[in-house]
PDB file of N, CA and C in Angstrom:
ATOM      1  N   MET A   1      -1.144  13.026  -3.178  1.00  0.00           N
ATOM      2  CA  MET A   1      -0.871  11.372  -2.434  1.00  0.00           C
ATOM      3  C   MET A   1      -0.983  11.229  -1.193  1.00  0.00           C
ATOM      4  N   PRO A   2      -1.124  10.153  -0.905  1.00  0.00           N
ATOM      5  CA  PRO A   2      -1.000   9.954   1.067  1.00  0.00           C
ATOM      6  C   PRO A   2       0.670   9.481   1.005  1.00  0.00           C
ATOM      7  N   GLN A   3       0.490   9.836   2.316  1.00  0.00           N
ATOM      8  CA  GLN A   3       2.294   9.103   2.330  1.00  0.00           C
ATOM      9  C   GLN A   3       2.794   8.369   3.534  1.00  0.00           C
ATOM     10  N   PHE A   4       3.473   7.641   3.879  1.00  0.00           N
ATOM     11  CA  PHE A   4       3.964   6.878   4.496  1.00  0.00           C
ATOM     12  C   PHE A   4       4.926   7.401   5.319  1.00  0.00           C
ATOM     13  N   ARG A   5       4.667   7.245   6.893  1.00  0.00           N
ATOM     14  CA  ARG A   5       5.614   7.594   8.407  1.00  0.00           C
ATOM     15  C   ARG A   5       6.083   6.535   8.507  1.00  0.00           C
ATOM     16  N   ILE A   6       7.754   6.575   8.156  1.00  0.00           N
ATOM     17  CA  ILE A   6       8.912   5.471   8.155  1.00  0.00           C
ATOM     18  C   ILE A   6       9.254   5.701   9.051  1.00  0.00           C
ATOM     19  N   PRO A   7       9.409   4.359  10.095  1.00  0.00           N
ATOM     20  CA  PRO A   7       9.387   4.149  11.595  1.00  0.00           C
ATOM     21  C   PRO A   7      11.613   3.960  11.234  1.00  0.00           C
ATOM     22  N   GLY A   8      11.935   4.557  12.055  1.00  0.00           N
ATOM     23  CA  GLY A   8      13.738   4.407  12.414  1.00  0.00           C
ATOM     24  C   GLY A   8      13.624   2.979  11.951  1.00  0.00           C
ATOM     25  N   PRO A   9      13.464   1.918  12.312  1.00  0.00           N
ATOM     26  CA  PRO A   9      13.975   0.639  12.197  1.00  0.00           C
ATOM     27  C   PRO A   9      14.128   0.139  10.658  1.00  0.00           C
ATOM     28  N   LEU A  10      12.751   1.161  10.027  1.00  0.00           N
ATOM     29  CA  LEU A  10      12.543   0.627   8.819  1.00  0.00           C
ATOM     30  C   LEU A  10      13.241   1.465   7.681  1.00  0.00           C
ATOM     31  N   ARG A  11      14.014   2.741   7.999  1.00  0.00           N
ATOM     32  CA  ARG A  11      14.497   3.559   7.302  1.00  0.00           C
ATOM     33  C   ARG A  11      15.568   3.039   6.340  1.00  0.00           C
ATOM     34  N   ARG A  12      16.294   2.062   6.657  1.00  0.00           N
ATOM     35  CA  ARG A  12      17.375   1.008   5.358  1.00  0.00           C
ATOM     36  C   ARG A  12      16.601   0.808   4.525  1.00  0.00           C
ATOM     37  N   LEU A  13      15.292   0.695   4.411  1.00  0.00           N
ATOM     38  CA  LEU A  13      14.760  -0.057   3.008  1.00  0.00           C
ATOM     39  C   LEU A  13      14.458   1.585   2.226  1.00  0.00           C
ATOM     40  N   SER A  14      13.966   2.368   2.808  1.00  0.00           N
ATOM     41  CA  SER A  14      13.710   3.881   1.749  1.00  0.00           C
ATOM     42  C   SER A  14      14.912   4.281   1.776  1.00  0.00           C
ATOM     43  N   ASP A  15      15.762   4.018   1.749  1.00  0.00           N
ATOM     44  CA  ASP A  15      17.108   4.818   2.163  1.00  0.00           C
ATOM     45  C   ASP A  15      16.602   6.045   2.998  1.00  0.00           C
ATOM     46  N   GLY A  16      16.847   5.965   3.960  1.00  0.00           N
ATOM     47  CA  GLY A  16      16.835   6.811   5.075  1.00  0.00           C
ATOM     48  C   GLY A  16      15.408   7.399   5.176  1.00  0.00           C
ATOM     49  N   GLU A  17      14.468   7.551   4.271  1.00  0.00           N
ATOM     50  CA  GLU A  17      13.362   8.663   4.256  1.00  0.00           C
ATOM     51  C   GLU A  17      12.956   8.642   5.140  1.00  0.00           C
ATOM     52  N   ILE A  18      12.082   9.474   6.036  1.00  0.00           N
ATOM     53  CA  ILE A  18      11.767   9.283   6.639  1.00  0.00           C
ATOM     54  C   ILE A  18       9.534   9.384   6.263  1.00  0.00           C
ATOM     55  N   THR A  19       9.929  10.092   5.363  1.00  0.00           N
ATOM     56  CA  THR A  19       8.237   9.955   4.639  1.00  0.00           C
ATOM     57  C   THR A  19       8.636   9.948   3.012  1.00  0.00           C
ATOM     58  N   VAL A  20       7.282   8.926   2.635  1.00  0.00           N
ATOM     59  CA  VAL A  20       7.419   8.288   1.356  1.00  0.00           C
ATOM     60  C   VAL A  20       5.742   8.795   0.663  1.00  0.00           C
ATOM     61  N   LYS A  21       5.839   9.277  -0.389  1.00  0.00           N
ATOM     62  CA  LYS A  21       4.387   9.685  -0.950  1.00  0.00           C
ATOM     63  C   LYS A  21       4.091   8.489  -2.111  1.00  0.00           C
ATOM     64  N   VAL A  22       3.006   7.835  -1.784  1.00  0.00           N
ATOM     65  CA  VAL A  22       2.501   6.585  -3.055  1.00  0.00           C
ATOM     66  C   VAL A  22       1.454   7.432  -3.849  1.00  0.00           C
ATOM     67  N   GLU A  23       0.743   6.704  -4.903  1.00  0.00           N
ATOM     68  CA  GLU A  23      -0.002   7.431  -5.664  1.00  0.00           C
ATOM     69  C   GLU A  23      -0.460   5.858  -5.131  1.00  0.00           C
ATOM     70  N   ALA A  24      -2.247   6.050  -4.707  1.00  0.00           N
ATOM     71  CA  ALA A  24      -2.901   4.527  -4.216  1.00  0.00           C
ATOM     72  C   ALA A  24      -4.371   5.218  -4.091  1.00  0.00           C
ATOM     73  N   ALA A  25      -5.455   4.135  -4.079  1.00  0.00           N
ATOM     74  CA  ALA A  25      -6.817   4.439  -4.042  1.00  0.00           C
ATOM     75  C   ALA A  25      -7.170   3.365  -2.412  1.00  0.00           C
ATOM     76  N   ASP A  26      -6.559   2.644  -1.769  1.00  0.00           N
ATOM     77  CA  ASP A  26      -6.756   2.163  -0.867  1.00  0.00           C
ATOM     78  C   ASP A  26      -5.394   1.617   0.259  1.00  0.00           C
ATOM     79  N   LEU A  27      -5.151   1.122   0.880  1.00  0.00           N
ATOM     80  CA  LEU A  27      -4.104   1.011   2.091  1.00  0.00           C
ATOM     81  C   LEU A  27      -3.374   0.142   1.627  1.00  0.00           C
ATOM     82  N   GLY A  28      -3.816  -1.185   0.735  1.00  0.00           N
ATOM     83  CA  GLY A  28      -3.407  -2.533   0.075  1.00  0.00           C
ATOM     84  C   GLY A  28      -2.676  -2.151  -1.444  1.00  0.00           C
ATOM     85  N   SER A  29      -3.167  -1.091  -1.891  1.00  0.00           N
ATOM     86  CA  SER A  29      -2.224  -0.848  -3.607  1.00  0.00           C
ATOM     87  C   SER A  29      -1.099   0.353  -2.849  1.00  0.00           C
ATOM     88  N   ALA A  30      -1.749   0.931  -1.793  1.00  0.00           N
ATOM     89  CA  ALA A  30      -0.547   1.795  -1.334  1.00  0.00           C
ATOM     90  C   ALA A  30       0.820   0.978  -0.034  1.00  0.00           C
ATOM     91  N   ILE A  31       0.675   0.053  -0.132  1.00  0.00           N
ATOM     92  CA  ILE A  31       1.614  -0.819   0.520  1.00  0.00           C
ATOM     93  C   ILE A  31       2.330  -1.250  -0.757  1.00  0.00           C
ATOM     94  N   ASP A  32       1.432  -1.853  -1.909  1.00  0.00           N
ATOM     95  CA  ASP A  32       2.132  -2.622  -2.899  1.00  0.00           C
ATOM     96  C   ASP A  32       3.004  -1.167  -3.809  1.00  0.00           C
ATOM     97  N   ALA A  33       2.621   0.077  -3.850  1.00  0.00           N
ATOM     98  CA  ALA A  33       3.072   0.916  -4.461  1.00  0.00           C
ATOM     99  C   ALA A  33       4.639   1.444  -3.583  1.00  0.00           C
ATOM    100  N   LEU A  34       4.531   1.196  -2.362  1.00  0.00           N
ATOM    101  CA  LEU A  34       5.690   1.365  -1.666  1.00  0.00           C
ATOM    102  C   LEU A  34       6.553   0.329  -1.779  1.00  0.00           C
ATOM    103  N   ASP A  35       6.633  -0.898  -1.944  1.00  0.00           N
ATOM    104  CA  ASP A  35       6.959  -1.994  -2.033  1.00  0.00           C
ATOM    105  C   ASP A  35       7.698  -1.763  -3.503  1.00  0.00           C
ATOM    106  N   ARG A  36       7.231  -1.210  -4.643  1.00  0.00           N
ATOM    107  CA  ARG A  36       7.805  -1.100  -6.108  1.00  0.00           C
ATOM    108  C   ARG A  36       8.488   0.056  -5.579  1.00  0.00           C
ATOM    109  N   ARG A  37       8.313   0.953  -5.117  1.00  0.00           N
ATOM    110  CA  ARG A  37       9.617   2.215  -4.958  1.00  0.00           C
ATOM    111  C   ARG A  37      10.699   1.426  -4.029  1.00  0.00           C
ATOM    112  N   TYR A  38      10.253   0.919  -3.347  1.00  0.00           N
ATOM    113  CA  TYR A  38      11.214   0.361  -2.207  1.00  0.00           C
ATOM    114  C   TYR A  38      10.757  -0.644  -1.861  1.00  0.00           C
ATOM    115  N   PRO A  39      11.435  -2.071  -2.688  1.00  0.00           N
ATOM    116  CA  PRO A  39      11.592  -3.373  -2.631  1.00  0.00           C
ATOM    117  C   PRO A  39      11.932  -3.808  -0.916  1.00  0.00           C
ATOM    118  N   GLY A  40      10.901  -4.664  -0.547  1.00  0.00           N
ATOM    119  CA  GLY A  40      11.210  -5.221   1.240  1.00  0.00           C
ATOM    120  C   GLY A  40      10.237  -4.810   1.821  1.00  0.00           C
ATOM    121  N   PHE A  41       9.120  -3.752   1.798  1.00  0.00           N
ATOM    122  CA  PHE A  41       8.254  -3.158   2.719  1.00  0.00           C
ATOM    123  C   PHE A  41       7.052  -4.141   2.442  1.00  0.00           C
ATOM    124  N   LYS A  42       6.737  -4.903   1.477  1.00  0.00           N
ATOM    125  CA  LYS A  42       5.972  -5.642   1.480  1.00  0.00           C
ATOM    126  C   LYS A  42       5.637  -6.904   2.763  1.00  0.00           C
ATOM    127  N   ASP A  43       7.115  -7.632   2.371  1.00  0.00           N
ATOM    128  CA  ASP A  43       7.264  -8.454   3.085  1.00  0.00           C
ATOM    129  C   ASP A  43       7.182  -8.231   4.659  1.00  0.00           C
ATOM    130  N   ARG A  44       7.619  -7.128   4.809  1.00  0.00           N
ATOM    131  CA  ARG A  44       8.078  -6.692   6.690  1.00  0.00           C
ATOM    132  C   ARG A  44       6.537  -6.234   7.063  1.00  0.00           C
ATOM    133  N   LEU A  45       5.568  -5.724   6.583  1.00  0.00           N
ATOM    134  CA  LEU A  45       4.335  -5.422   6.311  1.00  0.00           C
ATOM    135  C   LEU A  45       3.182  -6.256   6.696  1.00  0.00           C
ATOM    136  N   LEU A  46       2.975  -7.310   5.950  1.00  0.00           N
ATOM    137  CA  LEU A  46       2.365  -8.264   4.972  1.00  0.00           C
ATOM    138  C   LEU A  46       2.629  -9.742   5.307  1.00  0.00           C
ATOM    139  N   ASP A  47       1.660 -10.825   5.627  1.00  0.00           N
ATOM    140  CA  ASP A  47       2.151 -12.468   6.134  1.00  0.00           C
ATOM    141  C   ASP A  47       1.834 -12.885   5.179  1.00  0.00           C
ATOM    142  N   ASP A  48       2.721 -14.271   5.269  1.00  0.00           N
ATOM    143  CA  ASP A  48       2.029 -15.217   3.700  1.00  0.00           C
ATOM    144  C   ASP A  48       0.602 -14.764   2.741  1.00  0.00           C
ATOM    145  N   LYS A  49      -0.368 -14.605   3.557  1.00  0.00           N
ATOM    146  CA  LYS A  49      -2.005 -14.904   3.345  1.00  0.00           C
ATOM    147  C   LYS A  49      -2.007 -13.387   2.872  1.00  0.00           C
ATOM    148  N   GLY A  50      -0.958 -12.709   2.609  1.00  0.00           N
ATOM    149  CA  GLY A  50      -1.565 -10.728   2.647  1.00  0.00           C
ATOM    150  C   GLY A  50      -2.036 -10.194   3.771  1.00  0.00           C
ATOM    151  N   GLN A  51      -2.069 -10.737   4.513  1.00  0.00           N
ATOM    152  CA  GLN A  51      -2.858 -10.007   6.033  1.00  0.00           C
ATOM    153  C   GLN A  51      -1.425  -8.879   6.481  1.00  0.00           C
ATOM    154  N   LEU A  52      -2.229  -8.140   7.207  1.00  0.00           N
ATOM    155  CA  LEU A  52      -0.785  -7.088   7.476  1.00  0.00           C
ATOM    156  C   LEU A  52      -0.189  -8.373   8.968  1.00  0.00           C
ATOM    157  N   ARG A  53       1.525  -8.514   9.396  1.00  0.00           N
ATOM    158  CA  ARG A  53       1.465  -8.974  10.041  1.00  0.00           C
ATOM    159  C   ARG A  53       1.034  -8.706  11.516  1.00  0.00           C
ATOM    160  N   GLN A  54       1.164  -9.779  13.059  1.00  0.00           N
ATOM    161  CA  GLN A  54       0.738  -9.521  13.684  1.00  0.00           C
ATOM    162  C   GLN A  54       1.046  -8.530  14.622  1.00  0.00           C
ATOM    163  N   PHE A  55       2.557  -8.532  14.552  1.00  0.00           N
ATOM    164  CA  PHE A  55       3.450  -7.477  15.467  1.00  0.00           C
ATOM    165  C   PHE A  55       3.916  -6.200  14.382  1.00  0.00           C
ATOM    166  N   VAL A  56       2.803  -5.800  13.475  1.00  0.00           N
ATOM    167  CA  VAL A  56       3.262  -4.436  13.177  1.00  0.00           C
ATOM    168  C   VAL A  56       2.037  -4.050  12.804  1.00  0.00           C
ATOM    169  N   ASN A  57       1.957  -2.874  13.455  1.00  0.00           N
ATOM    170  CA  ASN A  57       0.625  -1.801  13.721  1.00  0.00           C
ATOM    171  C   ASN A  57       0.778  -0.280  12.170  1.00  0.00           C
ATOM    172  N   VAL A  58      -0.668  -0.711  11.732  1.00  0.00           N
ATOM    173  CA  VAL A  58      -0.476   0.074  10.876  1.00  0.00           C
ATOM    174  C   VAL A  58      -1.806   1.738  11.409  1.00  0.00           C
ATOM    175  N   TYR A  59      -1.295   2.540  10.813  1.00  0.00           N
ATOM    176  CA  TYR A  59      -2.638   3.471  11.443  1.00  0.00           C
ATOM    177  C   TYR A  59      -2.763   4.234  10.252  1.00  0.00           C
ATOM    178  N   LEU A  60      -4.009   4.840   9.890  1.00  0.00           N
ATOM    179  CA  LEU A  60      -4.211   5.482   8.822  1.00  0.00           C
ATOM    180  C   LEU A  60      -4.888   7.044   9.431  1.00  0.00           C
ATOM    181  N   ASN A  61      -4.102   8.060   9.572  1.00  0.00           N
ATOM    182  CA  ASN A  61      -4.736   9.392  10.150  1.00  0.00           C
ATOM    183  C   ASN A  61      -5.123   9.356  11.806  1.00  0.00           C
ATOM    184  N   ASP A  62      -3.782   8.352  12.353  1.00  0.00           N
ATOM    185  CA  ASP A  62      -4.043   8.128  13.459  1.00  0.00           C
ATOM    186  C   ASP A  62      -5.090   7.128  14.132  1.00  0.00           C
ATOM    187  N   GLU A  63      -5.622   6.471  13.403  1.00  0.00           N
ATOM    188  CA  GLU A  63      -6.685   5.218  13.519  1.00  0.00           C
ATOM    189  C   GLU A  63      -6.392   3.778  13.158  1.00  0.00           C
ATOM    190  N   ASP A  64      -6.236   3.339  13.927  1.00  0.00           N
ATOM    191  CA  ASP A  64      -5.609   1.615  14.046  1.00  0.00           C
ATOM    192  C   ASP A  64      -6.274   0.979  12.260  1.00  0.00           C
ATOM    193  N   VAL A  65      -6.149   0.453  11.696  1.00  0.00           N
ATOM    194  CA  VAL A  65      -6.544   0.568  10.517  1.00  0.00           C
ATOM    195  C   VAL A  65      -7.326  -1.071  10.542  1.00  0.00           C
ATOM    196  N   ARG A  66      -6.842  -1.785  11.495  1.00  0.00           N
ATOM    197  CA  ARG A  66      -7.275  -3.095  12.229  1.00  0.00           C
ATOM    198  C   ARG A  66      -8.873  -2.726  12.509  1.00  0.00           C
ATOM    199  N   LEU A  67      -9.071  -1.931  13.169  1.00  0.00           N
ATOM    200  CA  LEU A  67     -10.659  -1.606  13.738  1.00  0.00           C
ATOM    201  C   LEU A  67     -11.913  -0.907  12.885  1.00  0.00           C
ATOM    202  N   GLY A  68     -10.771  -1.104  11.643  1.00  0.00           N
ATOM    203  CA  GLY A  68     -11.963  -0.002  10.322  1.00  0.00           C
ATOM    204  C   GLY A  68     -11.774  -1.705   9.497  1.00  0.00           C
ATOM    205  N   ALA A  69     -11.197  -0.983   8.073  1.00  0.00           N
ATOM    206  CA  ALA A  69     -11.174  -1.417   7.045  1.00  0.00           C
ATOM    207  C   ALA A  69      -9.972  -1.993   6.699  1.00  0.00           C
ATOM    208  N   GLY A  70      -8.882  -2.307   7.244  1.00  0.00           N
ATOM    209  CA  GLY A  70      -7.917  -3.191   7.305  1.00  0.00           C
ATOM    210  C   GLY A  70      -7.541  -2.303   5.546  1.00  0.00           C
ATOM    211  N   LEU A  71      -6.964  -3.325   4.802  1.00  0.00           N
ATOM    212  CA  LEU A  71      -5.905  -3.109   3.755  1.00  0.00           C
ATOM    213  C   LEU A  71      -6.929  -2.580   2.880  1.00  0.00           C
ATOM    214  N   HIS A  72      -8.086  -2.336   2.890  1.00  0.00           N
ATOM    215  CA  HIS A  72      -9.532  -1.739   2.024  1.00  0.00           C
ATOM    216  C   HIS A  72     -10.012  -0.526   2.457  1.00  0.00           C
ATOM    217  N   ALA A  73      -9.110  -0.556   3.570  1.00  0.00           N
ATOM    218  CA  ALA A  73      -9.053   1.557   3.720  1.00  0.00           C
ATOM    219  C   ALA A  73      -8.495   2.450   2.729  1.00  0.00           C
ATOM    220  N   LYS A  74      -9.707   3.232   2.177  1.00  0.00           N
ATOM    221  CA  LYS A  74      -9.684   4.135   1.562  1.00  0.00           C
ATOM    222  C   LYS A  74      -8.312   5.125   1.841  1.00  0.00           C
ATOM    223  N   VAL A  75      -8.065   5.770   1.252  1.00  0.00           N
ATOM    224  CA  VAL A  75      -6.674   6.638   1.132  1.00  0.00           C
ATOM    225  C   VAL A  75      -6.901   7.665   0.364  1.00  0.00           C
ATOM    226  N   SER A  76      -6.753   8.868   0.501  1.00  0.00           N
ATOM    227  CA  SER A  76      -7.339  10.291  -0.124  1.00  0.00           C
ATOM    228  C   SER A  76      -5.611  10.911  -0.302  1.00  0.00           C
ATOM    229  N   GLU A  77      -5.567  12.050  -0.361  1.00  0.00           N
ATOM    230  CA  GLU A  77      -4.581  12.800  -0.943  1.00  0.00           C
ATOM    231  C   GLU A  77      -3.182  13.669   0.045  1.00  0.00           C
ATOM    232  N   LYS A  78      -4.023  13.642   1.307  1.00  0.00           N
ATOM    233  CA  LYS A  78      -3.777  14.711   2.327  1.00  0.00           C
ATOM    234  C   LYS A  78      -3.965  13.297   3.427  1.00  0.00           C
ATOM    235  N   ASP A  79      -3.850  11.521   3.647  1.00  0.00           N
ATOM    236  CA  ASP A  79      -3.967  11.265   4.351  1.00  0.00           C
ATOM    237  C   ASP A  79      -2.681  10.838   4.632  1.00  0.00           C
ATOM    238  N   GLU A  80      -2.316  10.396   5.770  1.00  0.00           N
ATOM    239  CA  GLU A  80      -0.852   9.734   6.527  1.00  0.00           C
ATOM    240  C   GLU A  80      -0.927   8.277   6.924  1.00  0.00           C
ATOM    241  N   ILE A  81       0.158   7.803   6.553  1.00  0.00           N
ATOM    242  CA  ILE A  81       0.025   6.321   7.183  1.00  0.00           C
ATOM    243  C   ILE A  81       1.075   6.169   7.874  1.00  0.00           C
ATOM    244  N   SER A  82       0.972   5.518   8.886  1.00  0.00           N
ATOM    245  CA  SER A  82       2.277   5.533  10.026  1.00  0.00           C
ATOM    246  C   SER A  82       2.261   3.567  10.378  1.00  0.00           C
ATOM    247  N   ILE A  83       3.282   3.677   9.944  1.00  0.00           N
ATOM    248  CA  ILE A  83       3.757   2.226  10.108  1.00  0.00           C
ATOM    249  C   ILE A  83       4.591   1.816  11.706  1.00  0.00           C
ATOM    250  N   VAL A  84       3.781   1.012  12.498  1.00  0.00           N
ATOM    251  CA  VAL A  84       4.776   1.352  14.218  1.00  0.00           C
ATOM    252  C   VAL A  84       4.826   0.161  14.593  1.00  0.00           C
ATOM    253  N   PRO A  85       5.882  -0.360  14.525  1.00  0.00           N
ATOM    254  CA  PRO A  85       6.111  -1.562  14.802  1.00  0.00           C
ATOM    255  C   PRO A  85       5.737  -2.007  16.204  1.00  0.00           C
ATOM    256  N   ALA A  86       5.897  -3.058  16.821  1.00  0.00           N
ATOM    257  CA  ALA A  86       4.996  -3.731  18.088  1.00  0.00           C
ATOM    258  C   ALA A  86       6.526  -3.550  18.924  1.00  0.00           C
ATOM    259  N   VAL A  87       6.757  -2.823  19.776  1.00  0.00           N
ATOM    260  CA  VAL A  87       7.211  -3.130  21.037  1.00  0.00           C
ATOM    261  C   VAL A  87       7.144  -4.255  22.088  1.00  0.00           C
ATOM    262  N   ALA A  88       8.063  -4.932  22.597  1.00  0.00           N
ATOM    263  CA  ALA A  88       7.779  -5.711  23.306  1.00  0.00           C
ATOM    264  C   ALA A  88       8.681  -5.797  24.574  1.00  0.00           C
ATOM    265  N   GLY A  89       8.588  -6.120  25.806  1.00  0.00           N
ATOM    266  CA  GLY A  89       9.584  -6.388  26.922  1.00  0.00           C
ATOM    267  C   GLY A  89       8.552  -6.153  28.178  1.00  0.00           C
ATOM    268  N   GLY A  90      10.012  -6.524  29.413  1.00  0.00           N
ATOM    269  CA  GLY A  90       9.149  -5.912  30.386  1.00  0.00           C
ATOM    270  C   GLY A  90       9.780  -5.489  31.548  1.00  0.00           C
TER     271      GLY A  90
END
């Protein structure tokens, strides 16, 4: 099962879990599965059009999903999905 790596600011949604395994065939269904298990993730990751929010970066095995198939990216058993909130400042 692919697993999500949950960043510190979102761990309150995952009951403190650092990683969460889900059953899914693509990134979109993985986000759905994560949200079913821990409600609130989908709202944090996707906008009202169902696309990845601008200030949230998602990586599939160290590859930015925006540069590839996005939510349609296929996931497999050993894949790791990392959620990286954008950091602003100066």
